[in-house]
N, C-alpha and C. Protein backbone atom coordinates (compact mmCIF):
# COMPACT_ATOMS: atom_id res chain seq x y z
N MET A 1 -26.30 39.50 16.64
CA MET A 1 -25.84 39.83 18.49
C MET A 1 -23.94 39.32 18.82
N THR A 2 -24.02 40.79 19.48
CA THR A 2 -22.69 40.21 20.06
C THR A 2 -21.71 40.21 20.55
N ASP A 3 -20.84 39.41 21.25
CA ASP A 3 -20.53 37.46 22.68
C ASP A 3 -20.54 39.67 23.40
N SER A 4 -20.71 39.20 24.40
CA SER A 4 -20.44 40.18 26.31
C SER A 4 -19.16 39.86 26.35
N ARG A 5 -18.47 41.21 26.60
CA ARG A 5 -18.14 41.17 27.45
C ARG A 5 -16.77 40.12 28.55
N TYR A 6 -18.47 40.16 29.12
CA TYR A 6 -18.22 39.47 30.40
C TYR A 6 -18.31 37.96 30.69
N VAL A 7 -19.16 37.33 29.36
CA VAL A 7 -18.31 36.29 29.08
C VAL A 7 -17.28 35.56 29.14
N VAL A 8 -16.84 34.67 28.54
CA VAL A 8 -15.83 34.10 28.06
C VAL A 8 -15.88 32.45 28.07
N PRO A 9 -16.12 32.28 26.92
CA PRO A 9 -15.87 30.91 26.17
C PRO A 9 -15.03 30.10 26.58
N THR A 10 -16.14 28.92 27.02
CA THR A 10 -14.86 27.07 27.41
C THR A 10 -16.05 26.76 27.18
N GLY A 11 -15.63 24.57 27.55
CA GLY A 11 -16.71 23.90 26.77
C GLY A 11 -16.89 23.10 27.84
N ARG A 12 -17.52 21.96 27.69
CA ARG A 12 -18.30 21.09 28.51
C ARG A 12 -16.98 20.80 29.55
N GLY A 13 -17.86 20.11 30.69
CA GLY A 13 -16.62 19.51 32.08
C GLY A 13 -15.93 20.82 33.10
N TYR A 14 -15.83 21.96 31.96
CA TYR A 14 -14.97 23.74 32.59
C TYR A 14 -15.30 23.34 34.55
N LEU A 15 -13.70 23.82 35.06
CA LEU A 15 -14.20 23.68 36.44
C LEU A 15 -13.71 24.34 36.36
N GLY A 16 -12.62 25.69 36.07
CA GLY A 16 -11.23 27.04 36.08
C GLY A 16 -10.27 26.98 35.03
N THR A 17 -10.34 28.32 35.93
CA THR A 17 -8.90 28.10 35.88
C THR A 17 -7.56 28.97 36.34
N HIS A 18 -6.72 28.94 36.51
CA HIS A 18 -5.05 28.47 36.95
C HIS A 18 -4.72 29.66 36.31
N ALA A 19 -3.38 30.86 36.61
CA ALA A 19 -2.57 31.05 36.86
C ALA A 19 -1.35 30.45 37.02
N VAL A 20 0.10 30.03 35.70
CA VAL A 20 0.83 29.30 36.11
C VAL A 20 1.68 30.32 37.00
N SER A 21 1.97 29.82 38.17
CA SER A 21 3.47 31.02 38.95
C SER A 21 4.57 31.80 38.97
N THR A 22 5.19 32.11 39.66
CA THR A 22 6.62 32.76 39.00
C THR A 22 6.98 31.55 39.29
N ASP A 23 7.18 30.09 39.78
CA ASP A 23 8.10 29.71 40.39
C ASP A 23 7.66 27.86 39.06
N ARG A 24 7.24 28.94 37.48
CA ARG A 24 6.12 28.16 37.14
C ARG A 24 5.90 26.94 38.06
N THR A 25 4.97 26.72 38.77
CA THR A 25 3.34 25.54 38.76
C THR A 25 2.74 25.87 38.66
N VAL A 26 1.62 25.39 38.40
CA VAL A 26 -0.03 25.41 39.00
C VAL A 26 -0.91 25.15 40.32
N THR A 27 -1.39 25.69 40.83
CA THR A 27 -2.43 24.67 42.29
C THR A 27 -3.10 24.29 42.14
N LEU A 28 -4.09 23.47 41.99
CA LEU A 28 -5.56 23.50 41.90
C LEU A 28 -5.65 23.03 43.11
N SER A 29 -7.02 23.89 43.82
CA SER A 29 -7.80 23.56 44.96
C SER A 29 -8.53 22.49 44.82
N THR A 30 -8.94 22.46 46.11
CA THR A 30 -10.41 22.62 46.02
C THR A 30 -11.92 21.64 45.27
N ALA A 31 -11.69 23.38 45.09
CA ALA A 31 -12.68 23.53 44.68
C ALA A 31 -12.80 22.59 42.94
N VAL A 32 -11.77 22.53 42.25
CA VAL A 32 -12.08 21.79 41.25
C VAL A 32 -10.99 20.62 41.02
N LEU A 33 -11.19 20.20 42.19
CA LEU A 33 -11.33 19.19 42.74
C LEU A 33 -11.81 18.25 43.28
N GLY A 34 -13.15 18.97 43.29
CA GLY A 34 -14.66 18.61 43.44
C GLY A 34 -15.29 17.30 44.67
N ASP A 35 -15.64 16.89 44.01
CA ASP A 35 -16.23 14.49 44.67
C ASP A 35 -14.89 13.80 43.96
N ARG A 36 -14.29 13.84 43.76
CA ARG A 36 -13.21 12.54 42.96
C ARG A 36 -13.01 12.10 44.27
N ASP A 37 -12.35 10.45 44.23
CA ASP A 37 -12.38 10.06 45.14
C ASP A 37 -11.03 9.62 45.85
N TRP A 38 -10.41 11.31 45.27
CA TRP A 38 -8.77 11.93 45.67
C TRP A 38 -8.70 11.98 47.14
N THR A 39 -7.73 11.27 47.88
CA THR A 39 -7.83 11.45 50.16
C THR A 39 -6.28 12.42 49.78
N ASP A 40 -6.64 12.54 50.96
CA ASP A 40 -5.04 13.12 51.07
C ASP A 40 -3.44 11.95 50.37
N ARG A 41 -2.72 12.29 50.43
CA ARG A 41 -1.33 11.43 50.16
C ARG A 41 -2.09 10.66 48.66
N SER A 42 -2.55 11.10 48.13
CA SER A 42 -3.62 9.85 46.64
C SER A 42 -2.29 10.29 45.91
N ARG A 43 -1.77 9.67 44.79
CA ARG A 43 -0.96 9.49 44.44
C ARG A 43 -1.38 10.11 42.25
N VAL A 44 -1.56 10.91 41.17
CA VAL A 44 -1.52 11.44 40.58
C VAL A 44 -0.53 11.21 39.19
N HIS A 45 -0.99 10.66 38.11
CA HIS A 45 0.09 10.87 37.27
C HIS A 45 -0.56 11.51 36.13
N ALA A 46 0.49 12.79 35.98
CA ALA A 46 0.34 13.49 33.95
C ALA A 46 1.19 12.87 33.33
N VAL A 47 -0.25 12.90 31.85
CA VAL A 47 0.05 12.00 31.13
C VAL A 47 -0.55 13.11 29.65
N ALA A 48 0.38 12.67 29.24
CA ALA A 48 0.07 13.57 27.88
C ALA A 48 -1.19 13.53 27.38
N HIS A 49 -1.67 14.44 27.05
CA HIS A 49 -2.68 13.87 26.20
C HIS A 49 -3.28 14.67 25.32
N GLU A 50 -3.82 13.98 24.38
CA GLU A 50 -4.32 15.37 22.50
C GLU A 50 -4.52 16.91 22.55
N ASP A 51 -5.47 16.28 23.91
CA ASP A 51 -5.69 18.17 24.53
C ASP A 51 -4.63 19.41 25.02
N GLY A 52 -4.14 18.05 25.98
CA GLY A 52 -3.17 18.81 26.93
C GLY A 52 -2.41 17.74 27.89
N VAL A 53 -2.53 18.40 28.09
CA VAL A 53 -1.44 17.68 29.92
C VAL A 53 -2.79 16.74 30.67
N ALA A 54 -3.50 15.47 30.97
CA ALA A 54 -3.99 14.84 31.96
C ALA A 54 -3.60 14.65 32.97
N LEU A 55 -4.89 15.03 34.30
CA LEU A 55 -4.03 14.08 35.58
C LEU A 55 -4.60 12.41 35.54
N VAL A 56 -3.98 11.40 35.91
CA VAL A 56 -5.64 10.95 36.19
C VAL A 56 -5.25 10.18 36.98
N PRO A 57 -5.50 8.90 38.35
CA PRO A 57 -4.87 8.22 38.97
C PRO A 57 -4.07 7.55 38.32
N ALA A 58 -3.25 7.47 39.60
CA ALA A 58 -1.64 6.34 39.18
C ALA A 58 -1.88 5.12 38.77
N ALA A 59 -3.27 4.85 39.09
CA ALA A 59 -3.44 2.97 38.61
C ALA A 59 -4.13 3.28 37.08
N GLU A 60 -4.63 4.63 37.39
CA GLU A 60 -5.14 3.99 35.55
C GLU A 60 -3.97 4.51 34.49
N SER A 61 -2.39 4.97 35.15
CA SER A 61 -1.58 5.24 34.49
C SER A 61 0.37 4.17 34.44
N THR A 62 0.79 3.95 32.88
CA THR A 62 2.18 3.11 33.14
C THR A 62 3.03 4.84 33.41
N GLU A 63 3.41 5.18 32.30
CA GLU A 63 4.24 6.10 31.59
C GLU A 63 3.83 7.26 32.17
N PRO A 64 4.01 8.31 33.43
CA PRO A 64 3.65 9.74 33.49
C PRO A 64 4.70 10.19 32.94
N ILE A 65 4.13 11.56 32.47
CA ILE A 65 5.62 12.39 32.33
C ILE A 65 5.61 12.56 33.65
N ALA A 66 4.75 12.70 34.50
CA ALA A 66 5.81 13.58 36.10
C ALA A 66 4.29 12.87 37.16
N ALA A 67 4.08 12.95 38.20
CA ALA A 67 3.70 12.05 39.25
C ALA A 67 3.78 13.38 40.63
N TYR A 68 2.52 12.90 40.99
CA TYR A 68 2.41 14.17 41.83
C TYR A 68 1.11 13.62 43.16
N VAL A 69 1.47 13.96 43.78
CA VAL A 69 0.94 13.72 45.07
C VAL A 69 -0.33 14.12 46.08
N LEU A 70 -1.09 14.41 46.34
CA LEU A 70 -3.29 15.45 46.57
C LEU A 70 -2.15 15.56 48.26
N CYS A 71 -2.12 16.82 48.53
CA CYS A 71 -1.40 17.42 50.02
C CYS A 71 -2.62 18.18 50.53
N THR A 72 -2.59 18.49 51.75
CA THR A 72 -3.52 18.68 52.42
C THR A 72 -2.99 19.97 52.51
N ARG A 73 -3.50 21.65 52.81
CA ARG A 73 -3.86 22.53 53.50
C ARG A 73 -4.59 23.56 53.90
N HIS A 74 -4.39 23.72 55.96
CA HIS A 74 -5.74 24.65 55.36
C HIS A 74 -6.33 24.21 55.60
N ASP A 75 -7.24 22.52 56.06
CA ASP A 75 -7.59 21.58 55.42
C ASP A 75 -8.65 21.66 54.01
N ALA A 76 -7.59 22.12 52.71
CA ALA A 76 -8.15 22.21 51.81
C ALA A 76 -7.21 20.99 50.79
N ALA A 77 -8.08 20.46 50.82
CA ALA A 77 -7.17 19.72 49.35
C ALA A 77 -6.55 19.98 47.92
N ARG A 78 -5.50 20.06 47.91
CA ARG A 78 -4.45 20.86 46.84
C ARG A 78 -3.70 19.98 45.92
N VAL A 79 -3.28 20.31 45.17
CA VAL A 79 -2.49 19.52 43.52
C VAL A 79 -1.23 20.07 43.16
N ALA A 80 -0.43 20.57 43.44
CA ALA A 80 0.17 21.99 42.64
C ALA A 80 1.01 21.04 42.02
N VAL A 81 1.03 21.23 40.06
CA VAL A 81 1.20 20.76 39.63
C VAL A 81 3.20 21.47 38.60
N GLY A 82 3.71 20.47 38.28
CA GLY A 82 4.60 20.99 38.62
C GLY A 82 5.95 21.76 36.91
N SER A 83 6.44 21.92 37.10
CA SER A 83 6.94 22.90 35.79
C SER A 83 7.51 21.90 34.81
N VAL A 84 7.14 20.32 34.69
CA VAL A 84 7.17 19.64 33.80
C VAL A 84 5.73 19.57 33.11
N VAL A 85 4.72 19.44 33.68
CA VAL A 85 2.91 19.76 32.95
C VAL A 85 3.32 21.37 32.00
N VAL A 86 3.57 22.11 32.95
CA VAL A 86 3.75 23.55 32.69
C VAL A 86 4.94 23.79 31.29
N ALA A 87 5.44 23.24 30.81
CA ALA A 87 6.85 22.97 29.94
C ALA A 87 6.28 22.50 28.78
N GLU A 88 5.49 21.25 29.17
CA GLU A 88 3.90 20.77 27.90
C GLU A 88 3.76 20.92 27.48
N LEU A 89 3.12 21.81 28.21
CA LEU A 89 1.61 22.96 27.46
C LEU A 89 2.55 24.50 26.42
N GLY A 90 3.22 24.58 27.57
CA GLY A 90 3.78 25.67 26.75
C GLY A 90 3.79 26.58 27.19
N LEU A 91 4.07 26.55 29.16
CA LEU A 91 3.58 28.36 29.00
C LEU A 91 4.27 29.11 30.10
N GLU A 92 4.31 30.29 30.01
CA GLU A 92 5.51 30.76 30.91
C GLU A 92 4.83 31.32 32.21
N PRO A 93 5.21 32.22 32.98
CA PRO A 93 4.85 31.94 34.44
C PRO A 93 3.42 33.44 34.18
N GLY A 94 2.81 33.79 34.51
CA GLY A 94 1.42 34.59 34.14
C GLY A 94 0.30 33.60 33.48
N ASP A 95 1.31 32.57 32.64
CA ASP A 95 -0.16 32.33 31.79
C ASP A 95 -1.36 31.17 31.97
N SER A 96 -1.93 31.36 31.58
CA SER A 96 -3.10 30.23 32.63
C SER A 96 -3.40 29.41 31.79
N VAL A 97 -3.88 28.07 32.42
CA VAL A 97 -4.15 27.02 32.77
C VAL A 97 -6.07 26.56 32.81
N ARG A 98 -6.53 26.04 31.95
CA ARG A 98 -8.08 25.78 32.39
C ARG A 98 -8.25 24.38 32.71
N VAL A 99 -8.92 23.98 33.93
CA VAL A 99 -8.74 22.73 34.22
C VAL A 99 -10.74 22.52 33.90
N TYR A 100 -10.40 20.90 33.60
CA TYR A 100 -11.40 21.38 32.82
C TYR A 100 -12.15 18.99 33.10
N ASP A 101 -12.52 18.12 33.82
CA ASP A 101 -13.27 17.36 34.29
C ASP A 101 -12.63 16.57 32.56
N LEU A 102 -11.70 15.13 32.80
CA LEU A 102 -11.69 14.22 31.46
C LEU A 102 -12.44 13.25 31.66
N ALA A 103 -13.59 13.10 32.52
CA ALA A 103 -14.64 12.20 32.21
C ALA A 103 -15.62 12.61 31.45
N VAL A 104 -15.79 13.96 31.06
CA VAL A 104 -16.36 14.24 30.33
C VAL A 104 -16.12 14.80 29.22
N ILE A 105 -15.21 14.71 28.74
CA ILE A 105 -14.37 14.78 27.96
C ILE A 105 -13.40 13.29 26.66
N ASP A 106 -13.63 12.05 27.36
CA ASP A 106 -13.08 11.20 27.18
C ASP A 106 -13.54 10.32 28.11
N ASP A 107 -13.93 9.83 29.03
CA ASP A 107 -15.18 9.40 29.76
C ASP A 107 -13.56 8.90 30.67
N ARG A 108 -13.01 9.16 31.56
CA ARG A 108 -12.07 8.92 32.21
C ARG A 108 -11.77 9.36 33.34
N PRO A 109 -11.47 8.22 34.94
CA PRO A 109 -11.32 9.87 35.81
C PRO A 109 -10.15 10.21 35.52
N GLY A 110 -10.03 11.64 36.17
CA GLY A 110 -8.55 13.06 36.46
C GLY A 110 -9.25 14.73 35.79
N LEU A 111 -8.48 15.00 35.98
CA LEU A 111 -8.42 16.61 34.62
C LEU A 111 -7.89 16.18 33.65
N LEU A 112 -8.22 17.38 33.04
CA LEU A 112 -7.92 17.32 32.03
C LEU A 112 -7.03 19.20 31.49
N LEU A 113 -6.28 19.65 31.73
CA LEU A 113 -5.16 20.97 32.14
C LEU A 113 -5.51 21.07 30.17
N VAL A 114 -5.31 22.48 29.82
CA VAL A 114 -5.45 22.80 28.41
C VAL A 114 -4.08 24.13 28.75
N ASP A 115 -4.27 24.85 27.88
CA ASP A 115 -3.44 25.85 27.53
C ASP A 115 -5.00 27.81 27.32
N ALA A 116 -5.37 28.38 28.48
CA ALA A 116 -6.53 28.86 28.51
C ALA A 116 -6.12 29.93 27.15
N ALA A 117 -5.01 30.55 26.74
CA ALA A 117 -5.26 31.09 25.46
C ALA A 117 -5.14 30.17 24.30
N ASP A 118 -5.31 29.65 23.68
CA ASP A 118 -5.55 28.14 22.95
C ASP A 118 -5.72 27.38 22.96
N ASP A 119 -7.17 26.97 23.84
CA ASP A 119 -8.00 25.90 23.99
C ASP A 119 -8.60 25.34 23.81
N PRO A 120 -8.48 24.31 23.06
CA PRO A 120 -8.96 22.87 23.10
C PRO A 120 -10.76 22.76 22.71
N CYS A 121 -11.09 23.32 23.40
CA CYS A 121 -12.11 22.15 24.55
C CYS A 121 -13.61 23.40 24.12
N LEU A 122 -13.55 24.61 23.49
CA LEU A 122 -13.96 25.37 23.49
C LEU A 122 -14.92 25.07 22.81
N GLU A 123 -16.55 25.32 22.83
CA GLU A 123 -17.53 24.53 21.79
C GLU A 123 -18.46 25.62 20.59
N VAL A 124 -18.51 25.37 19.92
CA VAL A 124 -19.41 26.86 18.96
C VAL A 124 -20.49 26.76 19.87
N ASP A 125 -20.43 28.10 19.58
CA ASP A 125 -21.77 28.76 20.65
C ASP A 125 -22.97 29.03 18.87
N ALA A 126 -24.22 28.57 18.89
CA ALA A 126 -24.88 27.96 18.20
C ALA A 126 -25.69 29.68 18.14
N GLY A 127 -25.85 30.18 20.32
CA GLY A 127 -26.12 31.74 19.60
C GLY A 127 -27.90 31.62 19.74
N ALA A 128 -28.81 32.84 20.61
CA ALA A 128 -29.92 32.85 21.17
C ALA A 128 -31.30 31.72 20.31
N ASP A 129 -30.88 32.24 18.15
CA ASP A 129 -31.33 31.73 17.82
C ASP A 129 -31.22 30.71 17.53
N GLY A 130 -30.39 29.88 17.15
CA GLY A 130 -29.86 28.53 16.60
C GLY A 130 -28.81 28.06 15.85
N GLU A 131 -28.76 29.07 14.69
CA GLU A 131 -28.44 29.61 14.12
C GLU A 131 -27.28 30.20 13.73
N ARG A 132 -26.32 28.42 13.84
CA ARG A 132 -24.55 29.07 13.42
C ARG A 132 -24.34 30.53 12.76
N ASP A 133 -22.87 31.05 13.56
CA ASP A 133 -22.09 32.58 12.70
C ASP A 133 -21.97 32.06 11.22
N ALA A 134 -22.20 32.90 9.76
CA ALA A 134 -22.34 32.57 8.67
C ALA A 134 -20.61 32.01 8.65
N GLY A 135 -19.39 32.18 8.85
CA GLY A 135 -17.73 32.00 9.12
C GLY A 135 -18.05 30.96 9.41
N ALA A 136 -18.86 30.02 10.31
CA ALA A 136 -18.39 28.83 11.30
C ALA A 136 -18.12 27.79 10.91
N GLU A 137 -17.55 26.74 10.60
CA GLU A 137 -17.18 25.23 9.88
C GLU A 137 -19.21 24.20 10.76
N PRO A 138 -18.73 23.40 9.85
CA PRO A 138 -20.39 23.04 10.14
C PRO A 138 -19.14 22.06 11.50
């Protein structure tokens, strides 16, 4: 069995992929925010995470690398993640960021942003018959 060119592998809790804009920001939309208890004008902190950068409610963090405010534009909630986070991830304009539900990764409220080209959250696929690839590590 070969990989499908139409399937992009992701990990548990995957919420979406976003591109880094020319002004070195990433805008996370309502679809990614889902049903989180983040309301208009909520403050979120970007904190270093072993897999990337986590966005957590401000009350969950004391030493953020950046702080952001959830805003509403055209009746849709958004968080514009700035150049500090983009630099922390080592990304350039045009690169992609994958967003995961942090609660699925390490049981904390928030979002996890990772470099899509080097996604540490990918899961090994056991294949259709349940056997691992011969070259895959256990």
